[in-house]
Amino acid sequence: MQININPSWKEFLKPEFEQSYFVSLMKSVEEEYANNHCFPPKELIFNAFNQFEANDLKVVIIGQDPYHGTGEANGLCFSVNDGIKIPPSLRNIFSEINLQYDRLFIPTTGNLAPWAKQGVLLLNATMTVRKDIPNSHKKLGWQSFTDSVIQKISDGKEQIVFLLWGSFAHKKAPLIDSKKHLVLQCGHPSFANVHKKWYGNNHFIVANDYLKDTGKKPIEW
């Protein structure tokens, strides 16, 4: 299977692509796409790495797996294609940003590519899914790869913001050196958690304050 990935990220992650587990993973993904309707489209599987250069990384947001409805997934976690109804979790994300910045912004699209282009890695722990079957690819081996990505970023980068939302993402915290990076955790922005564990997390302002303090341009959320 051809890996469509930015050359700077390809170089940064090169040792992973040579591992036997990754070769097996790509074979399994190829078979899944050949025999089932899967998302995102093949050419967008590594889209999270194709929005910016590896050296421009500022923030990592970790999702679970892609949206599984037709036309939704675009390879960026929490993000959907233009023209697709904004999912509830993403609406709650936008609402929290409005609260933090005391603004009234009404989004017309759930496409988070503008965030990604500023250096936000929108990484799903499992990067593919079968149509209409959430978590259907969780046993393919994707998490061996994405855990390694998180670990390599922690080891090889400095002063990155990691946003871990929900218990699934919290489990990635041990992969990150919190002495080198800023790790922010709270509940998931899903409907069930939104009032008690999501609203008021202040992550977007705290992240930008950290970026400014470390000499980086803040994100325009």
C-alpha atoms as a PDB file:
ATOM      1  CA  MET A   1       0.000   0.000   0.000  1.00  0.00           C
ATOM      2  CA  GLN A   2       1.381   3.403  -0.968  1.00  0.00           C
ATOM      3  CA  ILE A   3       1.945   5.765   1.964  1.00  0.00           C
ATOM      4  CA  ASN A   4       0.868   9.256   0.977  1.00  0.00           C
ATOM      5  CA  ILE A   5       2.680  11.359   3.575  1.00  0.00           C
ATOM      6  CA  ASN A   6       4.590  14.639   3.720  1.00  0.00           C
ATOM      7  CA  PRO A   7       8.340  14.037   3.151  1.00  0.00           C
ATOM      8  CA  SER A   8       9.292  15.739   6.426  1.00  0.00           C
ATOM      9  CA  TRP A   9       7.003  13.424   8.390  1.00  0.00           C
ATOM     10  CA  LYS A  10       8.124  10.465   6.301  1.00  0.00           C
ATOM     11  CA  GLU A  11      11.698  11.140   7.366  1.00  0.00           C
ATOM     12  CA  PHE A  12      10.717  11.719  11.014  1.00  0.00           C
ATOM     13  CA  LEU A  13       8.751   8.455  11.141  1.00  0.00           C
ATOM     14  CA  LYS A  14      10.934   6.430   8.768  1.00  0.00           C
ATOM     15  CA  PRO A  15      11.970   3.779  11.349  1.00  0.00           C
ATOM     16  CA  GLU A  16       8.307   2.921  11.944  1.00  0.00           C
ATOM     17  CA  PHE A  17       7.592   2.317   8.284  1.00  0.00           C
ATOM     18  CA  GLU A  18      10.339  -0.294   8.245  1.00  0.00           C
ATOM     19  CA  GLN A  19       8.954  -2.279  11.193  1.00  0.00           C
ATOM     20  CA  SER A  20       7.365  -5.648  10.478  1.00  0.00           C
ATOM     21  CA  TYR A  21       4.189  -4.681  12.361  1.00  0.00           C
ATOM     22  CA  PHE A  22       3.708  -1.693  10.047  1.00  0.00           C
ATOM     23  CA  VAL A  23       4.142  -3.812   6.926  1.00  0.00           C
ATOM     24  CA  SER A  24       1.472  -6.194   8.283  1.00  0.00           C
ATOM     25  CA  LEU A  25      -0.767  -3.266   9.183  1.00  0.00           C
ATOM     26  CA  MET A  26      -0.598  -1.833   5.671  1.00  0.00           C
ATOM     27  CA  LYS A  27      -1.408  -5.244   4.217  1.00  0.00           C
ATOM     28  CA  SER A  28      -4.462  -5.526   6.482  1.00  0.00           C
ATOM     29  CA  VAL A  29      -5.601  -2.017   5.586  1.00  0.00           C
ATOM     30  CA  GLU A  30      -5.207  -2.781   1.878  1.00  0.00           C
ATOM     31  CA  GLU A  31      -7.353  -5.906   2.269  1.00  0.00           C
ATOM     32  CA  GLU A  32      -9.997  -4.021   4.219  1.00  0.00           C
ATOM     33  CA  TYR A  33     -10.296  -1.335   1.560  1.00  0.00           C
ATOM     34  CA  ALA A  34     -10.397  -3.966  -1.186  1.00  0.00           C
ATOM     35  CA  ASN A  35     -13.191  -5.963   0.455  1.00  0.00           C
ATOM     36  CA  ASN A  36     -15.212  -3.368   2.388  1.00  0.00           C
ATOM     37  CA  HIS A  37     -16.344   0.239   2.166  1.00  0.00           C
ATOM     38  CA  CYS A  38     -13.882   2.071   4.438  1.00  0.00           C
ATOM     39  CA  PHE A  39     -13.087   5.616   5.483  1.00  0.00           C
ATOM     40  CA  PRO A  40     -11.390   7.978   5.043  1.00  0.00           C
ATOM     41  CA  PRO A  41     -10.588   7.635   1.326  1.00  0.00           C
ATOM     42  CA  LYS A  42      -7.249   5.885   0.845  1.00  0.00           C
ATOM     43  CA  GLU A  43      -5.480   9.051  -0.228  1.00  0.00           C
ATOM     44  CA  LEU A  44      -6.529  10.782   3.010  1.00  0.00           C
ATOM     45  CA  ILE A  45      -5.513   8.121   5.525  1.00  0.00           C
ATOM     46  CA  PHE A  46      -2.344  10.058   6.412  1.00  0.00           C
ATOM     47  CA  ASN A  47      -3.938  13.463   5.860  1.00  0.00           C
ATOM     48  CA  ALA A  48      -3.164  14.608   9.423  1.00  0.00           C
ATOM     49  CA  PHE A  49       0.541  14.561   8.501  1.00  0.00           C
ATOM     50  CA  ASN A  50       0.065  16.328   5.183  1.00  0.00           C
ATOM     51  CA  GLN A  51      -1.166  19.702   6.391  1.00  0.00           C
ATOM     52  CA  PHE A  52       2.162  21.076   7.645  1.00  0.00           C
ATOM     53  CA  GLU A  53       5.875  20.329   7.963  1.00  0.00           C
ATOM     54  CA  ALA A  54       7.004  18.180  10.889  1.00  0.00           C
ATOM     55  CA  ASN A  55       9.159  21.010  12.243  1.00  0.00           C
ATOM     56  CA  ASP A  56       6.091  23.269  12.451  1.00  0.00           C
ATOM     57  CA  LEU A  57       4.241  21.025  14.903  1.00  0.00           C
ATOM     58  CA  LYS A  58       2.715  22.910  17.839  1.00  0.00           C
ATOM     59  CA  VAL A  59      -0.279  20.943  19.139  1.00  0.00           C
ATOM     60  CA  VAL A  60      -1.401  17.304  19.140  1.00  0.00           C
ATOM     61  CA  ILE A  61      -5.084  16.435  19.546  1.00  0.00           C
ATOM     62  CA  ILE A  62      -5.898  12.730  19.842  1.00  0.00           C
ATOM     63  CA  GLY A  63      -9.163  11.213  18.661  1.00  0.00           C
ATOM     64  CA  GLN A  64     -10.295   7.593  18.714  1.00  0.00           C
ATOM     65  CA  ASP A  65     -11.188   6.644  15.118  1.00  0.00           C
ATOM     66  CA  PRO A  66     -12.656   8.307  12.014  1.00  0.00           C
ATOM     67  CA  TYR A  67     -16.302   9.134  11.516  1.00  0.00           C
ATOM     68  CA  HIS A  68     -17.935   6.122   9.851  1.00  0.00           C
ATOM     69  CA  GLY A  69     -20.678   7.774   7.798  1.00  0.00           C
ATOM     70  CA  THR A  70     -20.472   8.317   4.059  1.00  0.00           C
ATOM     71  CA  GLY A  71     -18.566  11.459   3.105  1.00  0.00           C
ATOM     72  CA  GLU A  72     -17.686  12.461   6.669  1.00  0.00           C
ATOM     73  CA  ALA A  73     -14.084  11.453   7.436  1.00  0.00           C
ATOM     74  CA  ASN A  74     -11.193  13.446   5.981  1.00  0.00           C
ATOM     75  CA  GLY A  75      -8.251  12.017   7.908  1.00  0.00           C
ATOM     76  CA  LEU A  76      -8.312  14.665  10.662  1.00  0.00           C
ATOM     77  CA  CYS A  77      -9.744  13.742  14.064  1.00  0.00           C
ATOM     78  CA  PHE A  78     -13.001  15.476  15.065  1.00  0.00           C
ATOM     79  CA  SER A  79     -13.116  16.982  11.556  1.00  0.00           C
ATOM     80  CA  VAL A  80     -15.620  16.400   8.757  1.00  0.00           C
ATOM     81  CA  ASN A  81     -15.669  17.446   5.133  1.00  0.00           C
ATOM     82  CA  ASP A  82     -17.230  20.692   3.967  1.00  0.00           C
ATOM     83  CA  GLY A  83     -20.955  20.322   3.442  1.00  0.00           C
ATOM     84  CA  ILE A  84     -21.348  17.646   6.139  1.00  0.00           C
ATOM     85  CA  LYS A  85     -23.471  18.405   9.198  1.00  0.00           C
ATOM     86  CA  ILE A  86     -21.238  19.327  12.132  1.00  0.00           C
ATOM     87  CA  PRO A  87     -21.198  16.392  14.608  1.00  0.00           C
ATOM     88  CA  PRO A  88     -22.290  16.994  18.231  1.00  0.00           C
ATOM     89  CA  SER A  89     -18.789  16.620  19.708  1.00  0.00           C
ATOM     90  CA  LEU A  90     -17.379  19.176  17.308  1.00  0.00           C
ATOM     91  CA  ARG A  91     -20.241  21.570  18.015  1.00  0.00           C
ATOM     92  CA  ASN A  92     -19.369  21.297  21.701  1.00  0.00           C
ATOM     93  CA  ILE A  93     -15.726  22.034  20.863  1.00  0.00           C
ATOM     94  CA  PHE A  94     -16.742  25.180  18.992  1.00  0.00           C
ATOM     95  CA  SER A  95     -19.060  26.176  21.869  1.00  0.00           C
ATOM     96  CA  GLU A  96     -16.243  25.841  24.411  1.00  0.00           C
ATOM     97  CA  ILE A  97     -13.986  28.014  22.250  1.00  0.00           C
ATOM     98  CA  ASN A  98     -16.728  30.643  22.100  1.00  0.00           C
ATOM     99  CA  LEU A  99     -17.050  30.557  25.890  1.00  0.00           C
ATOM    100  CA  GLN A 100     -13.326  30.895  26.443  1.00  0.00           C
ATOM    101  CA  TYR A 101     -12.918  33.811  24.072  1.00  0.00           C
ATOM    102  CA  ASP A 102     -16.286  35.405  24.915  1.00  0.00           C
ATOM    103  CA  ARG A 103     -17.336  35.489  21.294  1.00  0.00           C
ATOM    104  CA  LEU A 104     -20.231  34.432  19.131  1.00  0.00           C
ATOM    105  CA  PHE A 105     -18.819  32.435  16.246  1.00  0.00           C
ATOM    106  CA  ILE A 106     -21.260  30.343  14.260  1.00  0.00           C
ATOM    107  CA  PRO A 107     -19.267  27.802  12.213  1.00  0.00           C
ATOM    108  CA  THR A 108     -20.480  26.972   8.735  1.00  0.00           C
ATOM    109  CA  THR A 109     -18.196  23.940   8.329  1.00  0.00           C
ATOM    110  CA  GLY A 110     -16.723  21.228  10.517  1.00  0.00           C
ATOM    111  CA  ASN A 111     -13.572  20.971   8.416  1.00  0.00           C
ATOM    112  CA  LEU A 112     -10.638  21.552  10.785  1.00  0.00           C
ATOM    113  CA  ALA A 113      -8.009  21.839   8.065  1.00  0.00           C
ATOM    114  CA  PRO A 114      -7.413  25.519   9.027  1.00  0.00           C
ATOM    115  CA  TRP A 115      -6.301  24.322  12.484  1.00  0.00           C
ATOM    116  CA  ALA A 116      -4.112  21.617  10.974  1.00  0.00           C
ATOM    117  CA  LYS A 117      -2.370  24.028   8.628  1.00  0.00           C
ATOM    118  CA  GLN A 118      -1.235  26.021  11.669  1.00  0.00           C
ATOM    119  CA  GLY A 119       0.622  23.036  13.120  1.00  0.00           C
ATOM    120  CA  VAL A 120      -2.136  21.099  14.901  1.00  0.00           C
ATOM    121  CA  LEU A 121      -1.772  17.335  14.430  1.00  0.00           C
ATOM    122  CA  LEU A 122      -5.336  15.986  14.476  1.00  0.00           C
ATOM    123  CA  LEU A 123      -4.462  12.335  15.055  1.00  0.00           C
ATOM    124  CA  ASN A 124      -6.927   9.468  15.321  1.00  0.00           C
ATOM    125  CA  ALA A 125      -5.451   6.597  17.323  1.00  0.00           C
ATOM    126  CA  THR A 126      -7.055   4.232  14.819  1.00  0.00           C
ATOM    127  CA  MET A 127      -6.765   5.862  11.418  1.00  0.00           C
ATOM    128  CA  THR A 128      -9.338   3.900   9.373  1.00  0.00           C
ATOM    129  CA  VAL A 129     -12.813   2.433   9.872  1.00  0.00           C
ATOM    130  CA  ARG A 130     -15.447   0.380   8.033  1.00  0.00           C
ATOM    131  CA  LYS A 131     -18.576   2.164   6.875  1.00  0.00           C
ATOM    132  CA  ASP A 132     -21.201   2.379   9.635  1.00  0.00           C
ATOM    133  CA  ILE A 133     -19.171   0.271  12.092  1.00  0.00           C
ATOM    134  CA  PRO A 134     -17.328   2.401  14.692  1.00  0.00           C
ATOM    135  CA  ASN A 135     -14.073   0.982  16.071  1.00  0.00           C
ATOM    136  CA  SER A 136     -14.160  -1.758  13.431  1.00  0.00           C
ATOM    137  CA  HIS A 137     -10.428  -1.362  12.718  1.00  0.00           C
ATOM    138  CA  LYS A 138      -9.218  -1.061  16.302  1.00  0.00           C
ATOM    139  CA  LYS A 139      -7.590  -4.505  16.124  1.00  0.00           C
ATOM    140  CA  LEU A 140      -5.757  -3.966  12.835  1.00  0.00           C
ATOM    141  CA  GLY A 141      -2.692  -2.612  14.618  1.00  0.00           C
ATOM    142  CA  TRP A 142      -3.053   1.129  14.080  1.00  0.00           C
ATOM    143  CA  GLN A 143      -2.436   1.934  17.718  1.00  0.00           C
ATOM    144  CA  SER A 144       1.036   0.414  17.580  1.00  0.00           C
ATOM    145  CA  PHE A 145       1.796   3.023  14.942  1.00  0.00           C
ATOM    146  CA  THR A 146       0.030   6.012  16.503  1.00  0.00           C
ATOM    147  CA  ASP A 147       1.416   5.255  19.969  1.00  0.00           C
ATOM    148  CA  SER A 148       4.870   5.292  18.394  1.00  0.00           C
ATOM    149  CA  VAL A 149       4.064   8.610  16.719  1.00  0.00           C
ATOM    150  CA  ILE A 150       3.110  10.117  20.080  1.00  0.00           C
ATOM    151  CA  GLN A 151       6.236   8.690  21.716  1.00  0.00           C
ATOM    152  CA  LYS A 152       8.498   9.942  18.934  1.00  0.00           C
ATOM    153  CA  ILE A 153       7.003  13.416  19.127  1.00  0.00           C
ATOM    154  CA  SER A 154       7.515  13.436  22.875  1.00  0.00           C
ATOM    155  CA  ASP A 155      11.128  12.283  22.538  1.00  0.00           C
ATOM    156  CA  GLY A 156      12.119  14.229  19.442  1.00  0.00           C
ATOM    157  CA  LYS A 157      10.257  17.538  19.817  1.00  0.00           C
ATOM    158  CA  GLU A 158      10.260  20.293  22.421  1.00  0.00           C
ATOM    159  CA  GLN A 159       7.406  22.194  24.069  1.00  0.00           C
ATOM    160  CA  ILE A 160       4.456  20.638  22.241  1.00  0.00           C
ATOM    161  CA  VAL A 161       0.896  20.941  23.580  1.00  0.00           C
ATOM    162  CA  PHE A 162      -0.963  17.632  23.911  1.00  0.00           C
ATOM    163  CA  LEU A 163      -4.742  17.858  24.312  1.00  0.00           C
ATOM    164  CA  LEU A 164      -6.134  14.619  25.735  1.00  0.00           C
ATOM    165  CA  TRP A 165      -9.928  14.597  25.802  1.00  0.00           C
ATOM    166  CA  GLY A 166     -11.720  11.637  27.356  1.00  0.00           C
ATOM    167  CA  SER A 167     -10.570   8.445  29.040  1.00  0.00           C
ATOM    168  CA  PHE A 168      -9.345   6.893  25.792  1.00  0.00           C
ATOM    169  CA  ALA A 169      -6.984   9.803  25.119  1.00  0.00           C
ATOM    170  CA  HIS A 170      -5.928   9.961  28.778  1.00  0.00           C
ATOM    171  CA  LYS A 171      -4.384   6.511  28.369  1.00  0.00           C
ATOM    172  CA  LYS A 172      -1.814   8.070  26.022  1.00  0.00           C
ATOM    173  CA  ALA A 173      -0.414  10.314  28.764  1.00  0.00           C
ATOM    174  CA  PRO A 174       2.311   7.832  29.846  1.00  0.00           C
ATOM    175  CA  LEU A 175       3.786   8.102  26.332  1.00  0.00           C
ATOM    176  CA  ILE A 176       4.426  11.832  26.826  1.00  0.00           C
ATOM    177  CA  ASP A 177       7.185  13.508  28.834  1.00  0.00           C
ATOM    178  CA  SER A 178       5.228  16.133  30.773  1.00  0.00           C
ATOM    179  CA  LYS A 179       8.479  17.817  31.821  1.00  0.00           C
ATOM    180  CA  LYS A 180       9.200  18.735  28.188  1.00  0.00           C
ATOM    181  CA  HIS A 181       5.655  19.325  26.979  1.00  0.00           C
ATOM    182  CA  LEU A 182       2.298  20.685  28.132  1.00  0.00           C
ATOM    183  CA  VAL A 183      -0.255  17.917  28.663  1.00  0.00           C
ATOM    184  CA  LEU A 184      -3.876  19.013  29.206  1.00  0.00           C
ATOM    185  CA  GLN A 185      -6.602  16.513  30.075  1.00  0.00           C
ATOM    186  CA  CYS A 186     -10.363  16.762  30.504  1.00  0.00           C
ATOM    187  CA  GLY A 187     -13.533  14.888  29.626  1.00  0.00           C
ATOM    188  CA  HIS A 188     -14.530  14.100  26.067  1.00  0.00           C
ATOM    189  CA  PRO A 189     -16.643  16.720  24.243  1.00  0.00           C
ATOM    190  CA  SER A 190     -19.379  14.180  23.556  1.00  0.00           C
ATOM    191  CA  PHE A 191     -22.936  14.936  24.612  1.00  0.00           C
ATOM    192  CA  ALA A 192     -22.785  12.628  27.652  1.00  0.00           C
ATOM    193  CA  ASN A 193     -19.793  14.427  29.131  1.00  0.00           C
ATOM    194  CA  VAL A 194     -20.284  17.931  27.898  1.00  0.00           C
ATOM    195  CA  HIS A 195     -21.606  19.714  30.987  1.00  0.00           C
ATOM    196  CA  LYS A 196     -19.724  17.994  33.800  1.00  0.00           C
ATOM    197  CA  LYS A 197     -16.380  17.232  32.184  1.00  0.00           C
ATOM    198  CA  TRP A 198     -15.996  19.361  29.064  1.00  0.00           C
ATOM    199  CA  TYR A 199     -17.254  22.912  29.451  1.00  0.00           C
ATOM    200  CA  GLY A 200     -14.892  25.210  31.294  1.00  0.00           C
ATOM    201  CA  ASN A 201     -11.717  23.240  30.514  1.00  0.00           C
ATOM    202  CA  ASN A 202      -9.991  26.408  29.214  1.00  0.00           C
ATOM    203  CA  HIS A 203      -7.640  24.281  27.098  1.00  0.00           C
ATOM    204  CA  PHE A 204      -7.598  26.547  24.062  1.00  0.00           C
ATOM    205  CA  ILE A 205      -6.508  29.640  25.978  1.00  0.00           C
ATOM    206  CA  VAL A 206      -4.014  27.718  28.121  1.00  0.00           C
ATOM    207  CA  ALA A 207      -2.531  26.093  25.017  1.00  0.00           C
ATOM    208  CA  ASN A 208      -2.121  29.437  23.275  1.00  0.00           C
ATOM    209  CA  ASP A 209      -0.604  31.064  26.352  1.00  0.00           C
ATOM    210  CA  TYR A 210       1.945  28.246  26.465  1.00  0.00           C
ATOM    211  CA  LEU A 211       2.739  28.623  22.770  1.00  0.00           C
ATOM    212  CA  LYS A 212       3.265  32.375  23.194  1.00  0.00           C
ATOM    213  CA  ASP A 213       5.450  31.821  26.260  1.00  0.00           C
ATOM    214  CA  THR A 214       7.619  29.402  24.261  1.00  0.00           C
ATOM    215  CA  GLY A 215       8.032  31.794  21.340  1.00  0.00           C
ATOM    216  CA  LYS A 216       5.489  30.216  19.002  1.00  0.00           C
ATOM    217  CA  LYS A 217       2.584  31.807  17.203  1.00  0.00           C
ATOM    218  CA  PRO A 218      -0.716  30.898  18.892  1.00  0.00           C
ATOM    219  CA  ILE A 219      -3.409  28.955  17.081  1.00  0.00           C
ATOM    220  CA  GLU A 220      -6.386  30.758  15.595  1.00  0.00           C
ATOM    221  CA  TRP A 221      -9.049  28.385  16.850  1.00  0.00           C
END
